[in-house]
Amino acid sequence: MAILVLEDGSVFRGKSFGYRGTAAGEVVFNTSMTGYQEELTDPSYYGQILVSTCTQIGNVGTNAQDYESPKTYLSGFIVKEYMDLPSNFRATETLDSFMSRHHLVGLYGIDTRMLVRKIRTKGAMMGILSSFDLSEDELKQQLSRQPSLVGRDIVTEISTDQPYDFRESLWSIDGGYREMYSKDYPLVAVYDFGVKKNILRSLVSTGLRVRVFPCTTPADELLKDEYQGIVLSNGPGDPSALSSIIANTKEIIKSSKPVLGICLGHQILGLALGGRAIKLKFGHHGANQSVLNLKTRGIEITVQNHGFAIEPESVRTQVDITHINLNDQTLEGFVHKDKPLLSTQHHPEASPGPREAGYIFRDFSKLVYDRRK
């Protein structure tokens, strides 16, 4: 058995799978129909308990190729029905075994529709999940001592310790992941705020050499002549808490180097330009978010995973807004009026999910190559 207790006092009892333990975090939901393994290994979920709105989870098992990072950063995972017999030629392990190895606590067999509706109505809230025989009162006491994500710098806890080069291209069914490298490719620096591997693969696949740096790296290092562009990666938590990272980004903006911001990186870029960040009621998590491209007037179906956003009016004097979320009109993308800066709140690497926004990597690569001429 397992139990979930929310900060509003709600209690959900079900069955346990994965690691047997107790974990607390902000409870959010994801509306994707596929790709649970990519979600479980996305560092942007650090400190959160994820609820899947897809009814059955576990059908395709897990495999080493679909990891977005070396481990899972979630606190817990909640599903309606757990399927323990995967049917997938690529599967090498059950989801239960994967979660056990990565110390990820799971709960299934509850009314996830009720839970999701509660989050949509009241907003994302803290919760505690346990597969131990603990009383509700004891769990409520533990939950009351848990810090929220607001105001916390959690990026420094998950960023790489050392710089490293990345040479892997996007996956193909006939060859999987392949090394793609040429010394003639321009070299770009990536700030690791919790970067997904598919962001790095997407950069490599546009003809760029990629070097990843810890989030604490001084801006002067990335502004060296050998780096032809800079990427601010995705990541977890509250962007306003990252004062030193924002300060570094302000220095980067002063240069003429092309800059690409993705998700948290987009928010950091917005704050460095003088913008304001807001906490969304329950965030955007899923592979089916409709976004309006203001340049083409086309609708793009995007992948998203964030709980904060940049207020559009706070940056409008410096940037041209390029993308708007059609569900709530939040800012989804911009380009700077004078500098080679482009930014996207959604995930153009789309793993898992639609690939409609992949052109953003090609746009950034073109900026980098144009600068080299």
Protein backbone atom coordinates (compact mmCIF):
# COMPACT_ATOMS: atom_id res chain seq x y z
CA MET A 1 0.00 0.00 0.00
CA ALA A 2 0.98 3.64 -0.46
CA ILE A 3 -0.44 7.01 0.57
CA LEU A 4 -0.33 10.58 -0.73
CA VAL A 5 -1.05 13.51 1.59
CA LEU A 6 -1.44 17.03 0.15
CA GLU A 7 -0.85 20.29 1.96
CA ASP A 8 -4.61 21.03 1.87
CA GLY A 9 -5.18 17.87 3.96
CA SER A 10 -6.41 15.65 1.10
CA VAL A 11 -5.43 11.99 1.32
CA PHE A 12 -5.19 9.43 -1.49
CA ARG A 13 -4.57 5.75 -0.75
CA GLY A 14 -3.49 3.24 -3.36
CA LYS A 15 -0.85 0.65 -4.18
CA SER A 16 2.92 0.99 -4.19
CA PHE A 17 5.36 0.40 -7.04
CA GLY A 18 8.98 1.35 -7.60
CA TYR A 19 11.12 2.24 -4.59
CA ARG A 20 9.67 1.71 -1.14
CA GLY A 21 10.17 4.90 0.80
CA THR A 22 8.88 8.39 1.60
CA ALA A 23 9.32 11.46 -0.61
CA ALA A 24 7.94 15.00 -0.65
CA GLY A 25 7.65 17.58 -3.41
CA GLU A 26 5.44 19.89 -5.40
CA VAL A 27 2.64 17.84 -7.02
CA VAL A 28 2.17 18.57 -10.75
CA PHE A 29 0.52 16.72 -13.63
CA ASN A 30 1.67 15.91 -17.17
CA THR A 31 -0.79 15.48 -20.07
CA SER A 32 1.51 13.56 -22.45
CA MET A 33 0.24 10.24 -23.80
CA THR A 34 3.73 8.78 -24.30
CA GLY A 35 7.30 9.26 -23.13
CA TYR A 36 7.12 8.65 -19.39
CA GLN A 37 10.79 7.59 -19.27
CA GLU A 38 11.94 10.90 -20.76
CA GLU A 39 9.78 12.68 -18.19
CA LEU A 40 11.24 10.67 -15.31
CA THR A 41 14.80 11.57 -16.33
CA ASP A 42 14.14 15.25 -17.14
CA PRO A 43 16.08 17.35 -14.56
CA SER A 44 13.40 20.06 -14.82
CA TYR A 45 11.22 17.87 -12.58
CA TYR A 46 13.65 18.09 -9.67
CA GLY A 47 11.78 18.30 -6.37
CA GLN A 48 8.37 17.43 -7.82
CA ILE A 49 5.87 14.56 -7.62
CA LEU A 50 4.54 13.87 -11.10
CA VAL A 51 0.99 12.71 -11.85
CA SER A 52 0.36 11.23 -15.30
CA THR A 53 -3.04 11.91 -16.87
CA CYS A 54 -2.47 9.01 -19.28
CA THR A 55 -4.44 6.09 -17.84
CA GLN A 56 -1.95 3.24 -18.36
CA ILE A 57 1.75 3.61 -17.62
CA GLY A 58 4.46 0.95 -17.90
CA ASN A 59 3.33 -0.60 -21.19
CA VAL A 60 6.60 0.06 -23.04
CA GLY A 61 9.01 -0.58 -20.16
CA THR A 62 12.27 1.37 -20.11
CA ASN A 63 15.53 1.34 -22.04
CA ALA A 64 18.89 3.06 -21.68
CA GLN A 65 18.60 5.00 -24.97
CA ASP A 66 15.65 7.11 -23.83
CA TYR A 67 17.28 8.67 -20.78
CA GLU A 68 17.35 12.48 -20.85
CA SER A 69 19.91 12.48 -18.03
CA PRO A 70 21.80 9.77 -16.11
CA LYS A 71 19.13 9.43 -13.40
CA THR A 72 15.69 10.55 -12.29
CA TYR A 73 15.22 13.84 -10.43
CA LEU A 74 11.57 13.42 -9.47
CA SER A 75 10.54 12.85 -5.88
CA GLY A 76 7.62 10.58 -6.81
CA PHE A 77 5.45 9.26 -9.65
CA ILE A 78 1.67 8.69 -9.55
CA VAL A 79 -0.38 6.82 -12.17
CA LYS A 80 -3.88 5.37 -12.53
CA GLU A 81 -2.91 1.90 -13.79
CA TYR A 82 0.60 0.44 -13.64
CA MET A 83 1.36 -2.18 -16.31
CA ASP A 84 4.12 -4.60 -15.33
CA LEU A 85 4.38 -6.53 -18.63
CA PRO A 86 6.02 -4.21 -21.19
CA SER A 87 5.43 -4.85 -24.88
CA ASN A 88 8.17 -3.04 -26.78
CA PHE A 89 11.10 -4.45 -28.78
CA ARG A 90 13.36 -1.75 -27.31
CA ALA A 91 12.47 -2.45 -23.66
CA THR A 92 15.25 -3.77 -21.43
CA GLU A 93 13.65 -3.29 -18.01
CA THR A 94 10.25 -2.82 -16.38
CA LEU A 95 9.29 0.60 -15.08
CA ASP A 96 9.02 -0.84 -11.56
CA SER A 97 12.62 -2.08 -11.70
CA PHE A 98 13.84 1.24 -13.15
CA MET A 99 12.15 3.21 -10.37
CA SER A 100 13.48 0.87 -7.70
CA ARG A 101 17.05 1.31 -8.94
CA HIS A 102 16.67 5.08 -9.00
CA HIS A 103 14.96 5.31 -5.60
CA LEU A 104 11.78 6.77 -7.09
CA VAL A 105 8.65 6.23 -4.99
CA GLY A 106 5.49 5.30 -6.93
CA LEU A 107 1.74 5.19 -6.28
CA TYR A 108 -1.00 3.68 -8.48
CA GLY A 109 -4.62 2.67 -8.23
CA ILE A 110 -6.03 6.07 -7.22
CA ASP A 111 -8.48 8.38 -9.01
CA THR A 112 -5.92 10.49 -10.87
CA ARG A 113 -8.72 12.50 -12.50
CA MET A 114 -9.83 13.73 -9.09
CA LEU A 115 -6.25 14.56 -8.13
CA VAL A 116 -5.58 16.46 -11.35
CA ARG A 117 -8.84 18.36 -11.04
CA LYS A 118 -7.87 19.37 -7.50
CA ILE A 119 -4.51 20.71 -8.74
CA ARG A 120 -6.17 22.57 -11.62
CA THR A 121 -8.68 24.15 -9.23
CA LYS A 122 -6.41 24.99 -6.30
CA GLY A 123 -3.05 25.12 -8.07
CA ALA A 124 0.13 23.10 -7.66
CA MET A 125 0.68 22.23 -4.02
CA MET A 126 3.17 20.38 -1.87
CA GLY A 127 2.56 16.74 -1.10
CA ILE A 128 4.21 13.77 0.57
CA LEU A 129 4.14 10.24 -0.80
CA SER A 130 4.97 7.16 1.26
CA SER A 131 4.91 3.39 0.88
CA PHE A 132 5.72 2.91 4.57
CA ASP A 133 3.05 2.32 7.19
CA LEU A 134 2.95 5.91 8.38
CA SER A 135 -0.04 7.69 9.87
CA GLU A 136 -1.67 10.65 8.16
CA ASP A 137 -0.74 12.88 11.09
CA GLU A 138 2.91 11.83 10.91
CA LEU A 139 3.05 12.52 7.17
CA LYS A 140 1.38 15.90 7.63
CA GLN A 141 4.03 16.78 10.19
CA GLN A 142 6.80 15.80 7.80
CA LEU A 143 5.17 17.73 4.96
CA SER A 144 4.91 20.90 7.05
CA ARG A 145 8.71 20.97 7.27
CA GLN A 146 9.30 20.70 3.52
CA PRO A 147 10.46 23.87 1.70
CA SER A 148 8.62 24.95 -1.46
CA LEU A 149 10.36 25.54 -4.79
CA VAL A 150 9.69 29.28 -4.68
CA GLY A 151 12.79 31.30 -3.82
CA ARG A 152 15.14 28.28 -3.84
CA ASP A 153 18.27 27.92 -5.97
CA ILE A 154 18.14 24.24 -6.87
CA VAL A 155 20.01 24.52 -10.18
CA THR A 156 23.40 24.41 -8.47
CA GLU A 157 22.42 21.06 -6.93
CA ILE A 158 22.02 19.32 -10.30
CA SER A 159 24.39 21.09 -12.71
CA THR A 160 27.48 19.27 -13.97
CA ASP A 161 30.63 19.61 -11.85
CA GLN A 162 33.03 19.78 -14.80
CA PRO A 163 32.88 20.98 -18.41
CA TYR A 164 32.48 18.26 -21.04
CA ASP A 165 32.12 17.94 -24.80
CA PHE A 166 29.03 16.34 -26.34
CA ARG A 167 29.08 14.78 -29.83
CA GLU A 168 25.93 12.65 -30.06
CA SER A 169 23.35 13.41 -32.77
CA LEU A 170 19.60 12.82 -32.76
CA TRP A 171 18.31 9.21 -32.70
CA SER A 172 17.40 7.35 -35.88
CA ILE A 173 15.66 4.00 -36.10
CA ASP A 174 18.37 2.48 -38.29
CA GLY A 175 21.37 3.54 -36.24
CA GLY A 176 20.27 4.92 -32.88
CA TYR A 177 22.49 7.74 -31.66
CA ARG A 178 25.63 8.49 -33.67
CA GLU A 179 28.67 10.65 -33.13
CA MET A 180 28.60 13.75 -35.31
CA TYR A 181 31.66 15.96 -35.16
CA SER A 182 33.94 18.09 -37.28
CA LYS A 183 36.63 20.48 -36.15
CA ASP A 184 35.24 22.89 -38.76
CA TYR A 185 31.92 23.17 -36.90
CA PRO A 186 31.53 26.34 -34.78
CA LEU A 187 31.92 25.70 -31.04
CA VAL A 188 29.06 26.76 -28.74
CA ALA A 189 28.97 26.83 -24.94
CA VAL A 190 25.97 25.46 -23.05
CA TYR A 191 25.19 26.56 -19.51
CA ASP A 192 23.91 23.46 -17.71
CA PHE A 193 20.95 24.40 -15.55
CA GLY A 194 19.59 20.84 -15.84
CA VAL A 195 20.06 20.29 -19.56
CA LYS A 196 18.26 17.48 -21.40
CA LYS A 197 20.39 15.32 -23.65
CA ASN A 198 18.09 15.89 -26.60
CA ILE A 199 18.81 19.61 -26.49
CA LEU A 200 22.50 18.80 -26.87
CA ARG A 201 21.75 16.27 -29.62
CA SER A 202 19.65 18.84 -31.47
CA LEU A 203 22.50 21.36 -31.37
CA VAL A 204 24.98 18.77 -32.63
CA SER A 205 22.61 17.77 -35.43
CA THR A 206 22.56 21.36 -36.77
CA GLY A 207 26.32 21.26 -37.33
CA LEU A 208 27.61 22.68 -34.05
CA ARG A 209 30.31 21.54 -31.67
CA VAL A 210 28.95 21.52 -28.12
CA ARG A 211 30.73 22.08 -24.82
CA VAL A 212 28.69 21.98 -21.60
CA PHE A 213 29.63 24.08 -18.56
CA PRO A 214 28.60 24.12 -14.88
CA CYS A 215 26.05 26.78 -14.02
CA THR A 216 28.63 28.46 -11.76
CA THR A 217 31.08 29.12 -14.61
CA PRO A 218 31.95 32.84 -14.81
CA ALA A 219 30.64 34.62 -17.89
CA ASP A 220 34.21 35.54 -18.91
CA GLU A 221 34.93 31.87 -19.66
CA LEU A 222 32.03 31.57 -22.10
CA LEU A 223 32.84 34.93 -23.71
CA LYS A 224 36.22 33.70 -24.96
CA ASP A 225 36.70 33.99 -28.72
CA GLU A 226 36.65 30.21 -29.26
CA TYR A 227 32.92 30.06 -28.39
CA GLN A 228 30.75 31.28 -31.24
CA GLY A 229 27.43 31.09 -29.38
CA ILE A 230 25.93 30.46 -25.95
CA VAL A 231 22.93 28.34 -24.92
CA LEU A 232 21.03 28.80 -21.65
CA SER A 233 19.48 25.40 -20.95
CA ASN A 234 16.29 24.18 -19.37
CA GLY A 235 16.18 23.40 -15.67
CA PRO A 236 14.03 23.30 -12.52
CA GLY A 237 12.64 25.78 -10.08
CA ASP A 238 12.27 29.51 -9.57
CA PRO A 239 14.35 31.63 -12.00
CA SER A 240 14.22 34.67 -9.70
CA ALA A 241 16.30 32.80 -7.12
CA LEU A 242 19.27 32.47 -9.51
CA SER A 243 20.91 35.83 -8.85
CA SER A 244 24.47 34.87 -9.83
CA ILE A 245 23.29 33.15 -13.03
CA ILE A 246 21.21 36.20 -13.96
CA ALA A 247 24.26 38.41 -13.35
CA ASN A 248 26.37 36.22 -15.65
CA THR A 249 23.66 36.38 -18.30
CA LYS A 250 23.66 40.19 -18.15
CA GLU A 251 27.37 40.13 -18.99
CA ILE A 252 26.75 37.73 -21.87
CA ILE A 253 24.04 39.98 -23.29
CA LYS A 254 26.54 42.83 -23.55
CA SER A 255 28.54 40.82 -26.09
CA SER A 256 27.66 40.23 -29.74
CA LYS A 257 27.51 36.45 -29.39
CA PRO A 258 24.31 34.66 -30.44
CA VAL A 259 22.35 33.41 -27.42
CA LEU A 260 19.58 30.80 -27.26
CA GLY A 261 17.44 30.44 -24.14
CA ILE A 262 15.24 27.37 -23.59
CA CYS A 263 12.59 27.03 -20.83
CA LEU A 264 14.40 28.07 -17.61
CA GLY A 265 17.09 29.58 -19.84
CA HIS A 266 14.35 31.63 -21.53
CA GLN A 267 13.20 32.90 -18.14
CA ILE A 268 16.74 33.75 -17.06
CA LEU A 269 17.30 35.67 -20.29
CA GLY A 270 14.06 37.55 -19.71
CA LEU A 271 15.07 38.46 -16.15
CA ALA A 272 18.53 39.56 -17.34
CA LEU A 273 16.77 41.92 -19.75
CA GLY A 274 14.88 43.47 -16.86
CA GLY A 275 11.73 41.35 -17.05
CA ARG A 276 9.59 39.93 -14.25
CA ALA A 277 8.88 36.26 -13.51
CA ILE A 278 5.49 34.99 -12.35
CA LYS A 279 4.48 31.67 -10.76
CA LEU A 280 1.85 29.86 -12.81
CA LYS A 281 -1.15 28.34 -11.04
CA PHE A 282 -0.36 24.76 -12.01
CA GLY A 283 2.29 25.16 -14.70
CA HIS A 284 2.51 23.73 -18.20
CA HIS A 285 3.53 20.07 -18.35
CA GLY A 286 2.75 18.03 -21.45
CA ALA A 287 3.29 17.37 -25.15
CA ASN A 288 0.16 19.06 -26.47
CA GLN A 289 0.41 22.79 -25.70
CA SER A 290 -0.88 25.03 -28.53
CA VAL A 291 1.36 28.00 -29.32
CA LEU A 292 0.75 30.79 -31.83
CA ASN A 293 3.76 31.78 -33.94
CA LEU A 294 3.20 35.53 -34.38
CA LYS A 295 5.57 35.69 -37.35
CA THR A 296 3.90 32.99 -39.47
CA ARG A 297 0.44 33.10 -37.79
CA GLY A 298 0.69 29.31 -37.67
CA ILE A 299 -0.24 27.11 -34.71
CA GLU A 300 2.51 24.91 -33.26
CA ILE A 301 1.88 21.97 -30.93
CA THR A 302 4.66 22.05 -28.36
CA VAL A 303 6.20 20.20 -25.43
CA GLN A 304 6.34 22.16 -22.18
CA ASN A 305 7.54 21.65 -18.62
CA HIS A 306 7.66 24.74 -16.43
CA GLY A 307 5.95 26.32 -13.43
CA PHE A 308 7.10 29.92 -13.97
CA ALA A 309 6.86 32.37 -16.87
CA ILE A 310 8.07 35.82 -17.92
CA GLU A 311 5.44 38.56 -17.95
CA PRO A 312 5.25 39.75 -21.59
CA GLU A 313 4.84 43.46 -20.85
CA SER A 314 7.96 43.47 -18.70
CA VAL A 315 10.25 42.78 -21.69
CA ARG A 316 8.25 44.20 -24.61
CA THR A 317 10.34 47.39 -24.96
CA GLN A 318 13.51 45.36 -25.67
CA VAL A 319 12.25 42.33 -27.57
CA ASP A 320 9.84 41.32 -30.30
CA ILE A 321 7.47 38.69 -28.96
CA THR A 322 7.35 35.75 -31.40
CA HIS A 323 5.22 33.12 -29.65
CA ILE A 324 2.19 33.17 -27.34
CA ASN A 325 0.50 30.28 -25.52
CA LEU A 326 -3.07 29.96 -26.78
CA ASN A 327 -4.36 28.46 -23.54
CA ASP A 328 -3.45 31.32 -21.21
CA GLN A 329 -1.66 33.94 -23.36
CA THR A 330 1.66 33.48 -21.55
CA LEU A 331 4.92 34.38 -23.26
CA GLU A 332 6.40 31.49 -25.29
CA GLY A 333 9.19 33.12 -27.27
CA PHE A 334 10.96 36.32 -28.25
CA VAL A 335 13.88 37.75 -30.21
CA HIS A 336 15.84 40.82 -29.17
CA LYS A 337 15.29 43.96 -31.22
CA ASP A 338 19.02 44.71 -31.63
CA LYS A 339 21.07 41.70 -30.50
CA PRO A 340 21.27 38.09 -31.77
CA LEU A 341 19.21 36.73 -28.88
CA LEU A 342 16.35 34.28 -29.32
CA SER A 343 14.39 32.52 -26.67
CA THR A 344 11.66 29.90 -26.29
CA GLN A 345 9.64 28.88 -23.26
CA HIS A 346 8.64 25.54 -24.81
CA HIS A 347 10.97 22.65 -25.65
CA PRO A 348 12.01 22.58 -29.33
CA GLU A 349 13.95 19.34 -28.80
CA ALA A 350 10.57 17.66 -28.13
CA SER A 351 11.62 14.37 -26.61
CA PRO A 352 9.03 12.98 -26.32
CA GLY A 353 6.48 14.83 -28.40
CA PRO A 354 5.92 16.79 -31.62
CA ARG A 355 8.89 18.16 -33.55
CA GLU A 356 7.25 21.28 -34.99
CA ALA A 357 9.46 23.70 -33.05
CA GLY A 358 12.76 22.11 -34.10
CA TYR A 359 13.44 25.00 -36.49
CA ILE A 360 14.50 27.08 -33.46
CA PHE A 361 17.78 25.14 -33.31
CA ARG A 362 18.32 25.76 -37.03
CA ASP A 363 17.62 29.48 -36.53
CA PHE A 364 20.21 29.60 -33.74
CA SER A 365 22.74 27.64 -35.80
CA LYS A 366 22.29 30.11 -38.66
CA LEU A 367 23.00 33.01 -36.30
CA VAL A 368 26.20 31.28 -35.20
CA TYR A 369 27.35 30.56 -38.76
CA ASP A 370 26.47 34.06 -39.94
CA ARG A 371 28.57 35.55 -37.16
CA ARG A 372 31.57 33.50 -38.32
CA LYS A 373 31.52 34.98 -41.85
